[in-house]
C-alpha atoms as a PDB file:
ATOM      1  CA  MET A   1     -38.558 -19.619 -24.940  1.00  0.00           C
ATOM      2  CA  THR A   2     -38.538 -19.392 -21.283  1.00  0.00           C
ATOM      3  CA  ALA A   3     -35.758 -21.875 -21.087  1.00  0.00           C
ATOM      4  CA  GLU A   4     -33.957 -20.100 -23.712  1.00  0.00           C
ATOM      5  CA  VAL A   5     -33.890 -16.826 -21.649  1.00  0.00           C
ATOM      6  CA  GLU A   6     -32.629 -19.011 -18.504  1.00  0.00           C
ATOM      7  CA  ARG A   7     -29.925 -20.357 -20.741  1.00  0.00           C
ATOM      8  CA  ILE A   8     -28.754 -17.236 -21.854  1.00  0.00           C
ATOM      9  CA  SER A   9     -28.939 -15.551 -18.307  1.00  0.00           C
ATOM     10  CA  GLU A  10     -26.731 -18.008 -16.966  1.00  0.00           C
ATOM     11  CA  MET A  11     -24.133 -17.506 -19.773  1.00  0.00           C
ATOM     12  CA  VAL A  12     -24.336 -13.952 -19.079  1.00  0.00           C
ATOM     13  CA  SER A  13     -24.073 -14.491 -15.477  1.00  0.00           C
ATOM     14  CA  ALA A  14     -20.988 -16.533 -15.958  1.00  0.00           C
ATOM     15  CA  ALA A  15     -19.344 -14.127 -18.246  1.00  0.00           C
ATOM     16  CA  GLU A  16     -19.824 -11.157 -15.187  1.00  0.00           C
ATOM     17  CA  ASP A  17     -18.289 -13.864 -12.734  1.00  0.00           C
ATOM     18  CA  ASP A  18     -15.146 -13.878 -15.371  1.00  0.00           C
ATOM     19  CA  LEU A  19     -15.024 -10.212 -15.634  1.00  0.00           C
ATOM     20  CA  GLU A  20     -14.926 -10.155 -11.698  1.00  0.00           C
ATOM     21  CA  LYS A  21     -12.282 -12.673 -11.650  1.00  0.00           C
ATOM     22  CA  PHE A  22     -10.167 -10.552 -13.875  1.00  0.00           C
ATOM     23  CA  THR A  23     -10.672  -7.449 -12.258  1.00  0.00           C
ATOM     24  CA  VAL A  24      -9.907  -8.843  -8.839  1.00  0.00           C
ATOM     25  CA  GLU A  25      -6.840 -11.010 -10.345  1.00  0.00           C
ATOM     26  CA  ALA A  26      -5.234  -7.591 -11.890  1.00  0.00           C
ATOM     27  CA  GLU A  27      -6.028  -5.698  -8.390  1.00  0.00           C
ATOM     28  CA  ALA A  28      -4.454  -8.136  -5.963  1.00  0.00           C
ATOM     29  CA  ALA A  29      -1.241  -7.984  -8.311  1.00  0.00           C
ATOM     30  CA  ALA A  30      -1.050  -4.621  -7.942  1.00  0.00           C
ATOM     31  CA  ASP A  31      -1.857  -4.562  -4.162  1.00  0.00           C
ATOM     32  CA  ALA A  32       1.135  -7.019  -3.689  1.00  0.00           C
ATOM     33  CA  SER A  33       3.093  -4.573  -6.098  1.00  0.00           C
ATOM     34  CA  ARG A  34       1.974  -2.011  -3.461  1.00  0.00           C
ATOM     35  CA  ALA A  35       3.118  -3.426  -0.523  1.00  0.00           C
ATOM     36  CA  ALA A  36       6.472  -4.389  -1.880  1.00  0.00           C
ATOM     37  CA  LYS A  37       7.026  -0.797  -2.555  1.00  0.00           C
ATOM     38  CA  ALA A  38       6.014   0.202   1.026  1.00  0.00           C
ATOM     39  CA  ALA A  39       8.562  -2.567   2.258  1.00  0.00           C
ATOM     40  CA  PHE A  40      11.184  -1.097   0.312  1.00  0.00           C
ATOM     41  CA  ALA A  41      10.537   2.504   1.798  1.00  0.00           C
ATOM     42  CA  ASP A  42      10.470   1.004   4.932  1.00  0.00           C
ATOM     43  CA  ALA A  43      13.898  -0.669   4.446  1.00  0.00           C
ATOM     44  CA  GLU A  44      15.268   2.419   2.806  1.00  0.00           C
ATOM     45  CA  ALA A  45      14.689   4.754   6.037  1.00  0.00           C
ATOM     46  CA  LYS A  46      15.890   2.022   8.047  1.00  0.00           C
ATOM     47  CA  ALA A  47      19.101   1.905   6.003  1.00  0.00           C
ATOM     48  CA  ALA A  48      19.539   5.840   6.425  1.00  0.00           C
ATOM     49  CA  ALA A  49      18.933   5.468  10.223  1.00  0.00           C
ATOM     50  CA  ALA A  50      21.599   2.762  10.277  1.00  0.00           C
ATOM     51  CA  ALA A  51      23.993   4.725   8.352  1.00  0.00           C
ATOM     52  CA  ALA A  52      23.278   7.786  10.490  1.00  0.00           C
ATOM     53  CA  GLN A  53      23.937   5.787  13.768  1.00  0.00           C
ATOM     54  CA  LEU A  54      27.282   4.270  12.119  1.00  0.00           C
ATOM     55  CA  GLU A  55      28.573   7.619  11.490  1.00  0.00           C
ATOM     56  CA  SER A  56      27.789   8.956  14.736  1.00  0.00           C
ATOM     57  CA  ALA A  57      29.672   6.055  16.307  1.00  0.00           C
ATOM     58  CA  ARG A  58      32.837   6.612  14.137  1.00  0.00           C
ATOM     59  CA  ALA A  59      32.963  10.075  15.226  1.00  0.00           C
ATOM     60  CA  ALA A  60      32.681   8.941  19.030  1.00  0.00           C
ATOM     61  CA  VAL A  61      35.514   6.328  18.650  1.00  0.00           C
ATOM     62  CA  ASP A  62      37.561   9.331  16.742  1.00  0.00           C
ATOM     63  CA  GLN A  63      37.084  11.544  19.778  1.00  0.00           C
ATOM     64  CA  ALA A  64      37.912   8.784  21.964  1.00  0.00           C
ATOM     65  CA  GLN A  65      41.359   7.754  20.496  1.00  0.00           C
ATOM     66  CA  ASP A  66      42.187  11.367  20.425  1.00  0.00           C
ATOM     67  CA  ASP A  67      41.419  11.065  24.347  1.00  0.00           C
ATOM     68  CA  ALA A  68      43.642   8.303  24.479  1.00  0.00           C
ATOM     69  CA  ALA A  69      46.470  10.160  22.474  1.00  0.00           C
ATOM     70  CA  ALA A  70      46.278  13.178  24.610  1.00  0.00           C
ATOM     71  CA  LEU A  71      46.512  10.544  27.645  1.00  0.00           C
ATOM     72  CA  GLY A  72      49.552   9.312  26.412  1.00  0.00           C
ATOM     73  CA  ARG A  73      51.392  12.450  25.948  1.00  0.00           C
ATOM     74  CA  GLU A  74      50.243  13.573  29.435  1.00  0.00           C
ATOM     75  CA  ALA A  75      51.906  10.586  30.972  1.00  0.00           C
ATOM     76  CA  PHE A  76      55.077  11.528  29.134  1.00  0.00           C
ATOM     77  CA  MET A  77      54.929  14.838  30.171  1.00  0.00           C
ATOM     78  CA  GLY A  78      54.673  14.107  33.983  1.00  0.00           C
ATOM     79  CA  GLY A  79      57.919  12.781  33.917  1.00  0.00           C
ATOM     80  CA  ALA A  80      57.866   9.243  32.922  1.00  0.00           C
ATOM     81  CA  SER A  81      60.978   7.926  30.850  1.00  0.00           C
ATOM     82  CA  PRO A  82      59.601   7.733  27.177  1.00  0.00           C
ATOM     83  CA  THR A  83      61.262   4.280  26.999  1.00  0.00           C
ATOM     84  CA  ASP A  84      59.832   3.115  29.812  1.00  0.00           C
ATOM     85  CA  SER A  85      56.490   4.635  30.457  1.00  0.00           C
ATOM     86  CA  ALA A  86      54.657   6.712  27.180  1.00  0.00           C
ATOM     87  CA  ALA A  87      56.363   4.471  24.668  1.00  0.00           C
ATOM     88  CA  ALA A  88      54.862   1.693  26.524  1.00  0.00           C
ATOM     89  CA  LEU A  89      51.192   3.100  26.549  1.00  0.00           C
ATOM     90  CA  LEU A  90      51.726   4.296  22.872  1.00  0.00           C
ATOM     91  CA  ASP A  91      53.038   1.149  21.653  1.00  0.00           C
ATOM     92  CA  ALA A  92      50.023  -1.040  22.920  1.00  0.00           C
ATOM     93  CA  ALA A  93      47.983  -2.742  20.337  1.00  0.00           C
ATOM     94  CA  GLY A  94      44.699  -1.579  21.535  1.00  0.00           C
ATOM     95  CA  PRO A  95      43.040   0.166  24.711  1.00  0.00           C
ATOM     96  CA  ALA A  96      42.557  -3.079  26.664  1.00  0.00           C
ATOM     97  CA  GLU A  97      46.566  -3.708  26.398  1.00  0.00           C
ATOM     98  CA  MET A  98      46.886  -0.039  27.083  1.00  0.00           C
ATOM     99  CA  LEU A  99      45.057  -0.435  30.322  1.00  0.00           C
ATOM    100  CA  GLU A 100      46.887  -3.333  31.421  1.00  0.00           C
ATOM    101  CA  ARG A 101      50.377  -1.452  30.747  1.00  0.00           C
ATOM    102  CA  ALA A 102      49.106   1.570  32.415  1.00  0.00           C
ATOM    103  CA  ALA A 103      48.237  -0.669  35.290  1.00  0.00           C
ATOM    104  CA  THR A 104      51.630  -2.360  35.701  1.00  0.00           C
ATOM    105  CA  LEU A 105      53.451   1.206  35.090  1.00  0.00           C
ATOM    106  CA  ASP A 106      50.979   2.811  37.856  1.00  0.00           C
ATOM    107  CA  LEU A 107      50.749   5.798  35.674  1.00  0.00           C
ATOM    108  CA  LEU A 108      47.218   6.167  35.437  1.00  0.00           C
ATOM    109  CA  GLY A 109      44.679   7.778  37.610  1.00  0.00           C
ATOM    110  CA  GLU A 110      41.364   7.017  37.886  1.00  0.00           C
ATOM    111  CA  ASP A 111      40.134   9.501  35.310  1.00  0.00           C
ATOM    112  CA  ARG A 112      42.283   8.360  32.563  1.00  0.00           C
ATOM    113  CA  ALA A 113      41.619   4.994  33.242  1.00  0.00           C
ATOM    114  CA  GLU A 114      37.844   5.784  32.584  1.00  0.00           C
ATOM    115  CA  ARG A 115      38.778   7.393  29.400  1.00  0.00           C
ATOM    116  CA  LEU A 116      40.577   4.075  27.828  1.00  0.00           C
ATOM    117  CA  ALA A 117      37.484   2.060  29.159  1.00  0.00           C
ATOM    118  CA  MET A 118      35.268   4.786  27.102  1.00  0.00           C
ATOM    119  CA  LEU A 119      37.335   4.200  23.745  1.00  0.00           C
ATOM    120  CA  GLN A 120      37.034   0.476  24.052  1.00  0.00           C
ATOM    121  CA  SER A 121      33.085   1.033  24.788  1.00  0.00           C
ATOM    122  CA  MET A 122      33.106   3.174  21.500  1.00  0.00           C
ATOM    123  CA  ARG A 123      34.870   0.630  19.169  1.00  0.00           C
ATOM    124  CA  GLY A 124      32.587  -1.864  20.545  1.00  0.00           C
ATOM    125  CA  THR A 125      29.238   0.278  19.570  1.00  0.00           C
ATOM    126  CA  GLU A 126      31.099   0.934  16.098  1.00  0.00           C
ATOM    127  CA  GLU A 127      31.523  -2.564  15.417  1.00  0.00           C
ATOM    128  CA  ARG A 128      27.742  -3.200  16.104  1.00  0.00           C
ATOM    129  CA  ALA A 129      26.517  -0.064  14.261  1.00  0.00           C
ATOM    130  CA  ASP A 130      28.765  -1.487  11.242  1.00  0.00           C
ATOM    131  CA  ARG A 131      27.176  -4.830  11.283  1.00  0.00           C
ATOM    132  CA  GLU A 132      23.508  -3.073  11.717  1.00  0.00           C
ATOM    133  CA  ALA A 133      24.415  -0.984   9.112  1.00  0.00           C
ATOM    134  CA  ARG A 134      25.492  -3.829   6.718  1.00  0.00           C
ATOM    135  CA  ALA A 135      22.478  -5.991   7.458  1.00  0.00           C
ATOM    136  CA  ALA A 136      19.826  -2.756   6.830  1.00  0.00           C
ATOM    137  CA  VAL A 137      21.850  -2.061   3.354  1.00  0.00           C
ATOM    138  CA  ALA A 138      21.496  -6.085   2.837  1.00  0.00           C
ATOM    139  CA  GLU A 139      17.713  -5.572   4.099  1.00  0.00           C
ATOM    140  CA  ARG A 140      17.007  -2.420   1.642  1.00  0.00           C
ATOM    141  CA  ASP A 141      18.827  -4.200  -1.800  1.00  0.00           C
ATOM    142  CA  ALA A 142      16.502  -7.394  -1.164  1.00  0.00           C
ATOM    143  CA  ALA A 143      13.392  -5.077  -0.983  1.00  0.00           C
ATOM    144  CA  VAL A 144      14.657  -3.389  -4.199  1.00  0.00           C
ATOM    145  CA  ARG A 145      14.605  -6.312  -5.896  1.00  0.00           C
ATOM    146  CA  ALA A 146      11.431  -7.444  -4.736  1.00  0.00           C
ATOM    147  CA  SER A 147       9.814  -4.028  -5.541  1.00  0.00           C
ATOM    148  CA  VAL A 148      10.864  -4.446  -8.956  1.00  0.00           C
ATOM    149  CA  GLU A 149      10.041  -8.093  -9.108  1.00  0.00           C
ATOM    150  CA  ALA A 150       6.405  -7.608  -7.749  1.00  0.00           C
ATOM    151  CA  GLU A 151       5.744  -4.370 -10.194  1.00  0.00           C
ATOM    152  CA  ALA A 152       6.597  -6.542 -13.315  1.00  0.00           C
ATOM    153  CA  ALA A 153       4.600  -9.080 -12.205  1.00  0.00           C
ATOM    154  CA  ALA A 154       1.787  -6.800 -11.668  1.00  0.00           C
ATOM    155  CA  GLU A 155       2.133  -5.287 -15.248  1.00  0.00           C
ATOM    156  CA  VAL A 156       2.635  -8.764 -16.668  1.00  0.00           C
ATOM    157  CA  GLN A 157      -1.013  -9.804 -14.797  1.00  0.00           C
ATOM    158  CA  LEU A 158      -2.831  -6.422 -15.557  1.00  0.00           C
ATOM    159  CA  GLN A 159      -1.926  -7.370 -19.016  1.00  0.00           C
ATOM    160  CA  ALA A 160      -3.117 -10.858 -19.110  1.00  0.00           C
ATOM    161  CA  SER A 161      -6.441  -9.935 -17.297  1.00  0.00           C
ATOM    162  CA  LYS A 162      -7.066  -6.875 -19.459  1.00  0.00           C
ATOM    163  CA  GLN A 163      -7.087  -9.141 -22.817  1.00  0.00           C
ATOM    164  CA  ALA A 164      -9.080 -12.002 -20.905  1.00  0.00           C
ATOM    165  CA  TYR A 165     -11.505  -8.958 -19.968  1.00  0.00           C
ATOM    166  CA  ASP A 166     -11.912  -7.572 -23.177  1.00  0.00           C
ATOM    167  CA  ALA A 167     -12.607 -10.805 -24.608  1.00  0.00           C
ATOM    168  CA  VAL A 168     -15.156 -11.757 -22.130  1.00  0.00           C
ATOM    169  CA  ALA A 169     -16.393  -8.221 -22.211  1.00  0.00           C
ATOM    170  CA  ALA A 170     -17.519  -8.523 -26.079  1.00  0.00           C
ATOM    171  CA  GLN A 171     -18.746 -12.038 -25.432  1.00  0.00           C
ATOM    172  CA  LYS A 172     -21.291 -10.334 -22.840  1.00  0.00           C
ATOM    173  CA  LEU A 173     -22.209  -7.775 -25.137  1.00  0.00           C
ATOM    174  CA  SER A 174     -23.367 -10.520 -27.358  1.00  0.00           C
ATOM    175  CA  LEU A 175     -24.771 -12.353 -24.719  1.00  0.00           C
ATOM    176  CA  ASP A 176     -26.868  -8.964 -23.544  1.00  0.00           C
ATOM    177  CA  GLN A 177     -28.325  -8.629 -26.806  1.00  0.00           C
ATOM    178  CA  GLN A 178     -29.074 -12.376 -27.350  1.00  0.00           C
ATOM    179  CA  LEU A 179     -30.800 -12.056 -23.566  1.00  0.00           C
ATOM    180  CA  ARG A 180     -32.598  -8.990 -24.848  1.00  0.00           C
ATOM    181  CA  ASP A 181     -33.807 -10.262 -27.836  1.00  0.00           C
ATOM    182  CA  ALA A 182     -35.344 -13.475 -25.973  1.00  0.00           C
ATOM    183  CA  GLU A 183     -36.995 -11.688 -23.458  1.00  0.00           C
ATOM    184  CA  ILE A 184     -38.894  -9.468 -25.784  1.00  0.00           C
ATOM    185  CA  GLU A 185     -39.991 -12.956 -27.899  1.00  0.00           C
ATOM    186  CA  LEU A 186     -41.040 -14.410 -24.175  1.00  0.00           C
ATOM    187  CA  LEU A 187     -43.107 -10.780 -23.764  1.00  0.00           C
ATOM    188  CA  ALA A 188     -44.324 -10.874 -27.088  1.00  0.00           C
ATOM    189  CA  ALA A 189     -45.416 -14.424 -26.709  1.00  0.00           C
ATOM    190  CA  ARG A 190     -47.304 -13.696 -23.683  1.00  0.00           C
ATOM    191  CA  GLY A 191     -48.939 -11.256 -25.438  1.00  0.00           C
ATOM    192  CA  VAL A 192     -47.498  -8.168 -23.918  1.00  0.00           C
ATOM    193  CA  ALA A 193     -48.287  -4.836 -26.473  1.00  0.00           C
ATOM    194  CA  ASN A 194     -44.956  -3.164 -27.514  1.00  0.00           C
ATOM    195  CA  PRO A 195     -42.635  -5.540 -25.773  1.00  0.00           C
ATOM    196  CA  SER A 196     -39.220  -4.022 -26.638  1.00  0.00           C
ATOM    197  CA  ALA A 197     -40.402  -0.812 -25.318  1.00  0.00           C
ATOM    198  CA  VAL A 198     -41.620  -3.030 -22.119  1.00  0.00           C
ATOM    199  CA  ARG A 199     -38.464  -4.791 -21.650  1.00  0.00           C
ATOM    200  CA  ASP A 200     -36.312  -1.816 -21.794  1.00  0.00           C
ATOM    201  CA  GLN A 201     -38.486  -0.155 -19.206  1.00  0.00           C
ATOM    202  CA  GLU A 202     -37.668  -3.094 -16.897  1.00  0.00           C
ATOM    203  CA  GLN A 203     -34.346  -2.742 -17.772  1.00  0.00           C
ATOM    204  CA  ARG A 204     -33.941   0.763 -16.860  1.00  0.00           C
ATOM    205  CA  ALA A 205     -35.612   0.244 -13.691  1.00  0.00           C
ATOM    206  CA  GLU A 206     -33.413  -2.515 -12.652  1.00  0.00           C
ATOM    207  CA  ILE A 207     -30.198  -0.226 -13.292  1.00  0.00           C
ATOM    208  CA  ALA A 208     -32.216   2.331 -11.351  1.00  0.00           C
ATOM    209  CA  GLN A 209     -32.784   0.042  -8.283  1.00  0.00           C
ATOM    210  CA  ALA A 210     -28.902  -1.177  -8.140  1.00  0.00           C
ATOM    211  CA  ARG A 211     -27.808   2.264  -8.505  1.00  0.00           C
ATOM    212  CA  ALA A 212     -30.106   3.415  -5.517  1.00  0.00           C
ATOM    213  CA  GLY A 213     -28.080   2.022  -2.934  1.00  0.00           C
ATOM    214  CA  THR A 214     -24.699   3.256  -3.844  1.00  0.00           C
ATOM    215  CA  ALA A 215     -25.932   6.546  -5.374  1.00  0.00           C
ATOM    216  CA  ALA A 216     -24.527   8.377  -2.253  1.00  0.00           C
ATOM    217  CA  LEU A 217     -21.205   7.437  -2.904  1.00  0.00           C
ATOM    218  CA  VAL A 218     -21.422   6.597  -6.880  1.00  0.00           C
ATOM    219  CA  ALA A 219     -24.160   5.979  -9.062  1.00  0.00           C
ATOM    220  CA  GLY A 220     -23.064   2.626 -10.470  1.00  0.00           C
ATOM    221  CA  ARG A 221     -23.478  -1.345 -10.326  1.00  0.00           C
ATOM    222  CA  VAL A 222     -21.365  -3.338  -7.582  1.00  0.00           C
ATOM    223  CA  THR A 223     -19.464  -5.865  -9.572  1.00  0.00           C
ATOM    224  CA  SER A 224     -17.206  -7.294  -6.881  1.00  0.00           C
ATOM    225  CA  CYS A 225     -17.206  -7.618  -2.958  1.00  0.00           C
ATOM    226  CA  TYR A 226     -14.878  -7.698   0.027  1.00  0.00           C
ATOM    227  CA  GLY A 227     -13.143 -11.138   0.183  1.00  0.00           C
ATOM    228  CA  SER A 228     -11.511 -13.855  -1.485  1.00  0.00           C
ATOM    229  CA  ARG A 229     -11.871 -14.308  -4.838  1.00  0.00           C
ATOM    230  CA  SER A 230     -10.368 -16.900  -7.233  1.00  0.00           C
ATOM    231  CA  GLY A 231      -7.456 -17.395  -4.461  1.00  0.00           C
ATOM    232  CA  ALA A 232      -6.772 -13.742  -4.198  1.00  0.00           C
ATOM    233  CA  MET A 233      -7.740 -11.215  -1.518  1.00  0.00           C
ATOM    234  CA  HIS A 234      -9.761  -8.479  -2.657  1.00  0.00           C
ATOM    235  CA  ASN A 235      -9.642  -5.731  -0.453  1.00  0.00           C
ATOM    236  CA  GLY A 236     -12.248  -3.495  -1.432  1.00  0.00           C
ATOM    237  CA  VAL A 237     -15.524  -2.932  -3.027  1.00  0.00           C
ATOM    238  CA  ASP A 238     -15.812  -2.120  -6.928  1.00  0.00           C
ATOM    239  CA  ILE A 239     -18.612  -0.451  -8.401  1.00  0.00           C
ATOM    240  CA  ALA A 240     -18.706  -0.365 -12.485  1.00  0.00           C
ATOM    241  CA  ALA A 241     -19.943   3.145 -13.984  1.00  0.00           C
ATOM    242  CA  PRO A 242     -19.202   5.120 -16.934  1.00  0.00           C
ATOM    243  CA  ILE A 243     -15.804   7.043 -16.988  1.00  0.00           C
ATOM    244  CA  GLY A 244     -16.366  10.673 -15.456  1.00  0.00           C
ATOM    245  CA  THR A 245     -19.067   9.484 -13.290  1.00  0.00           C
ATOM    246  CA  PRO A 246     -19.291  11.373  -9.734  1.00  0.00           C
ATOM    247  CA  ILE A 247     -17.898  10.113  -6.756  1.00  0.00           C
ATOM    248  CA  TYR A 248     -19.058  11.647  -3.307  1.00  0.00           C
ATOM    249  CA  ALA A 249     -17.648  11.443  -0.078  1.00  0.00           C
ATOM    250  CA  PRO A 250     -19.757   9.134   1.983  1.00  0.00           C
ATOM    251  CA  ALA A 251     -18.705  11.018   5.312  1.00  0.00           C
ATOM    252  CA  ALA A 252     -17.147  14.457   6.583  1.00  0.00           C
ATOM    253  CA  GLY A 253     -13.336  14.096   6.774  1.00  0.00           C
ATOM    254  CA  VAL A 254      -9.938  15.426   6.050  1.00  0.00           C
ATOM    255  CA  VAL A 255      -8.011  14.543   2.842  1.00  0.00           C
ATOM    256  CA  LEU A 256      -4.733  12.738   3.649  1.00  0.00           C
ATOM    257  CA  ASP A 257      -3.720  12.864   0.144  1.00  0.00           C
ATOM    258  CA  ALA A 258      -5.212  13.016  -3.164  1.00  0.00           C
ATOM    259  CA  GLY A 259      -2.535  12.101  -6.317  1.00  0.00           C
ATOM    260  CA  PRO A 260      -0.450   9.023  -8.246  1.00  0.00           C
ATOM    261  CA  ALA A 261      -0.857   6.154  -6.529  1.00  0.00           C
ATOM    262  CA  SER A 262       0.799   2.549  -7.281  1.00  0.00           C
ATOM    263  CA  GLY A 263      -1.462   0.208  -8.789  1.00  0.00           C
ATOM    264  CA  PHE A 264      -4.441   2.573  -8.709  1.00  0.00           C
ATOM    265  CA  GLY A 265      -2.959   5.360 -11.072  1.00  0.00           C
ATOM    266  CA  LEU A 266      -4.973   7.795  -9.095  1.00  0.00           C
ATOM    267  CA  ALA A 267      -6.346   7.627  -5.634  1.00  0.00           C
ATOM    268  CA  VAL A 268      -7.952  10.000  -2.897  1.00  0.00           C
ATOM    269  CA  TYR A 269      -7.536   9.057   0.720  1.00  0.00           C
ATOM    270  CA  VAL A 270      -9.928  10.603   3.373  1.00  0.00           C
ATOM    271  CA  GLN A 271      -9.752  10.186   7.087  1.00  0.00           C
ATOM    272  CA  HIS A 272     -12.844  10.529   8.839  1.00  0.00           C
ATOM    273  CA  ALA A 273     -13.869  11.652  12.322  1.00  0.00           C
ATOM    274  CA  ASP A 274     -14.109   7.797  13.820  1.00  0.00           C
ATOM    275  CA  GLY A 275      -9.979   7.449  12.488  1.00  0.00           C
ATOM    276  CA  THR A 276     -11.292   5.272   9.455  1.00  0.00           C
ATOM    277  CA  ILE A 277      -9.430   5.931   6.111  1.00  0.00           C
ATOM    278  CA  THR A 278     -11.589   5.596   2.893  1.00  0.00           C
ATOM    279  CA  VAL A 279      -9.563   4.784  -0.076  1.00  0.00           C
ATOM    280  CA  TYR A 280     -10.904   5.582  -3.710  1.00  0.00           C
ATOM    281  CA  GLY A 281      -8.419   4.035  -6.353  1.00  0.00           C
ATOM    282  CA  HIS A 282      -8.545   4.061 -10.541  1.00  0.00           C
ATOM    283  CA  ILE A 283     -10.061   7.526 -10.578  1.00  0.00           C
ATOM    284  CA  ASN A 284      -9.891   9.663 -13.733  1.00  0.00           C
ATOM    285  CA  GLN A 285      -9.599  12.906 -11.649  1.00  0.00           C
ATOM    286  CA  TYR A 286      -9.856  14.369  -8.264  1.00  0.00           C
ATOM    287  CA  PHE A 287     -11.219  17.329  -7.004  1.00  0.00           C
ATOM    288  CA  VAL A 288      -9.696  17.756  -3.317  1.00  0.00           C
ATOM    289  CA  GLN A 289      -5.837  18.329  -2.123  1.00  0.00           C
ATOM    290  CA  ALA A 290      -4.344  16.926   1.032  1.00  0.00           C
ATOM    291  CA  GLY A 291      -5.282  18.797   4.260  1.00  0.00           C
ATOM    292  CA  GLN A 292      -8.567  19.616   2.906  1.00  0.00           C
ATOM    293  CA  ALA A 293     -11.763  19.404   5.123  1.00  0.00           C
ATOM    294  CA  VAL A 294     -14.534  17.629   2.902  1.00  0.00           C
ATOM    295  CA  ALA A 295     -18.408  17.531   3.919  1.00  0.00           C
ATOM    296  CA  ALA A 296     -20.735  14.463   3.409  1.00  0.00           C
ATOM    297  CA  GLY A 297     -22.010  14.562  -0.341  1.00  0.00           C
ATOM    298  CA  GLN A 298     -19.232  16.735  -1.669  1.00  0.00           C
ATOM    299  CA  GLN A 299     -17.462  15.254  -4.822  1.00  0.00           C
ATOM    300  CA  ILE A 300     -14.075  14.319  -4.605  1.00  0.00           C
ATOM    301  CA  ALA A 301     -13.368  12.401  -7.582  1.00  0.00           C
ATOM    302  CA  GLU A 302     -14.567  10.928 -10.567  1.00  0.00           C
ATOM    303  CA  VAL A 303     -14.445   7.391 -12.084  1.00  0.00           C
ATOM    304  CA  GLY A 304     -11.630   6.385 -14.148  1.00  0.00           C
ATOM    305  CA  ASN A 305     -10.010   3.311 -15.314  1.00  0.00           C
ATOM    306  CA  ARG A 306      -6.404   4.222 -14.337  1.00  0.00           C
ATOM    307  CA  GLY A 307      -3.643   2.153 -12.888  1.00  0.00           C
ATOM    308  CA  GLN A 308      -3.804  -1.344 -12.959  1.00  0.00           C
ATOM    309  CA  SER A 309      -7.351  -1.713 -13.974  1.00  0.00           C
ATOM    310  CA  THR A 310      -9.671  -3.806 -16.216  1.00  0.00           C
ATOM    311  CA  GLY A 311     -12.410  -1.740 -16.959  1.00  0.00           C
ATOM    312  CA  PRO A 312     -14.083   1.713 -15.654  1.00  0.00           C
ATOM    313  CA  HIS A 313     -14.925   1.261 -11.931  1.00  0.00           C
ATOM    314  CA  LEU A 314     -14.541   2.721  -8.504  1.00  0.00           C
ATOM    315  CA  HIS A 315     -12.422   0.614  -6.169  1.00  0.00           C
ATOM    316  CA  ILE A 316     -13.324   1.649  -2.205  1.00  0.00           C
ATOM    317  CA  GLU A 317     -11.365   0.215   0.749  1.00  0.00           C
ATOM    318  CA  THR A 318     -11.884   1.188   4.158  1.00  0.00           C
ATOM    319  CA  HIS A 319      -8.636   1.365   6.694  1.00  0.00           C
ATOM    320  CA  GLN A 320      -8.565   1.222  10.613  1.00  0.00           C
ATOM    321  CA  GLY A 321      -5.802   1.909  12.757  1.00  0.00           C
ATOM    322  CA  GLY A 322      -3.960   3.647  10.056  1.00  0.00           C
ATOM    323  CA  LEU A 323      -3.233   3.585   6.362  1.00  0.00           C
ATOM    324  CA  TYR A 324      -2.906  -0.037   5.174  1.00  0.00           C
ATOM    325  CA  GLN A 325      -2.346  -0.938   8.898  1.00  0.00           C
ATOM    326  CA  ASN A 326      -6.227  -2.775   9.076  1.00  0.00           C
ATOM    327  CA  ARG A 327      -8.362  -3.314   5.738  1.00  0.00           C
ATOM    328  CA  ALA A 328     -11.910  -4.288   6.530  1.00  0.00           C
ATOM    329  CA  ASN A 329     -14.682  -4.805   4.863  1.00  0.00           C
ATOM    330  CA  PRO A 330     -16.250  -1.400   3.881  1.00  0.00           C
ATOM    331  CA  VAL A 331     -19.955  -2.484   3.793  1.00  0.00           C
ATOM    332  CA  PRO A 332     -20.642  -2.210   7.269  1.00  0.00           C
ATOM    333  CA  TRP A 333     -19.024   1.455   7.626  1.00  0.00           C
ATOM    334  CA  LEU A 334     -20.645   2.289   4.498  1.00  0.00           C
ATOM    335  CA  GLY A 335     -24.142   0.970   5.445  1.00  0.00           C
ATOM    336  CA  ALA A 336     -23.803   2.737   8.746  1.00  0.00           C
ATOM    337  CA  ARG A 337     -24.101   6.059   6.673  1.00  0.00           C
ATOM    338  CA  GLY A 338     -27.009   4.881   4.685  1.00  0.00           C
ATOM    339  CA  ILE A 339     -25.005   3.486   1.784  1.00  0.00           C
ATOM    340  CA  THR A 340     -26.286  -0.122   0.991  1.00  0.00           C
ATOM    341  CA  LEU A 341     -24.686  -1.989  -1.648  1.00  0.00           C
ATOM    342  CA  GLY A 342     -26.890  -4.881  -1.180  1.00  0.00           C
ATOM    343  CA  GLY A 343     -26.667  -8.481  -3.155  1.00  0.00           C
ATOM    344  CA  SER A 344     -23.804 -10.794  -1.820  1.00  0.00           C
ATOM    345  CA  CYS A 345     -22.391  -7.323  -0.682  1.00  0.00           C
ATOM    346  CA  GLY A 346     -25.171  -6.864   1.950  1.00  0.00           C
END
């Protein structure tokens, strides 16, 4: 009977590994979609700035051209013959030729030469601004395509991961029952009175112990740690818990944002005194708003299953040096605040 318990336990463990894999794959796809959307936002901002610079350059060229035209009129009004002086200037193909003719005709003073040189400089600026604007638009269009493709890929991955997750979850449910029955039989074979009650009591104690370390954050069981999983980078820690389980702020801070978030469905972002930003994803609902100060231990949200999620859990990340700038392992930061995740995450 001991061998049977071990055999089923190994199958349960393998199923848990598969569930972790499917969850991480879905979150990695969602993360790629978030990054693509952020890149699009940056490209859009650059395109807008380049368009503004081009407009400014064009306005400067228009003004310089007006000045050049006024220069021609001044030369004409100064007494030069329209057929040999002003006409020569006005018929010039460009500012460079105008400068050459003016020098030949000896009609320009220093101030007039500077105005024509300014026109030539402004036209060069306009050409550069035009090239930069075109490049920025091309970059923005490419970012749009990448964002759309990444979001579509994330959705496909989510559906595949959900189907696989649900299948394995059903298998694990059956294995859990088989394991329970086998453990009860083993206890009975050892002469334990009321083996069913003893086994259930032991399981409750195990669950309570697993949740004890995370209770200051959320009362749940760690299912995935920070790091590479199945070829995908998992940038946070996952803690499984029923929908509606309270999520508490692990330290005091200020809410940067709370609401819809790509990939997460809903998320809360809190910045703490040391500059670290904590992110809480896949939440069911939140109880804070941007700009609000929160205290350590204050409930900020509850566990959910929104966004690219395969099952109810909290996904928590820690960012240092700015939002999404440096996503570090949350374990040391949480541990310094009394929240121990245990297991391989420790």
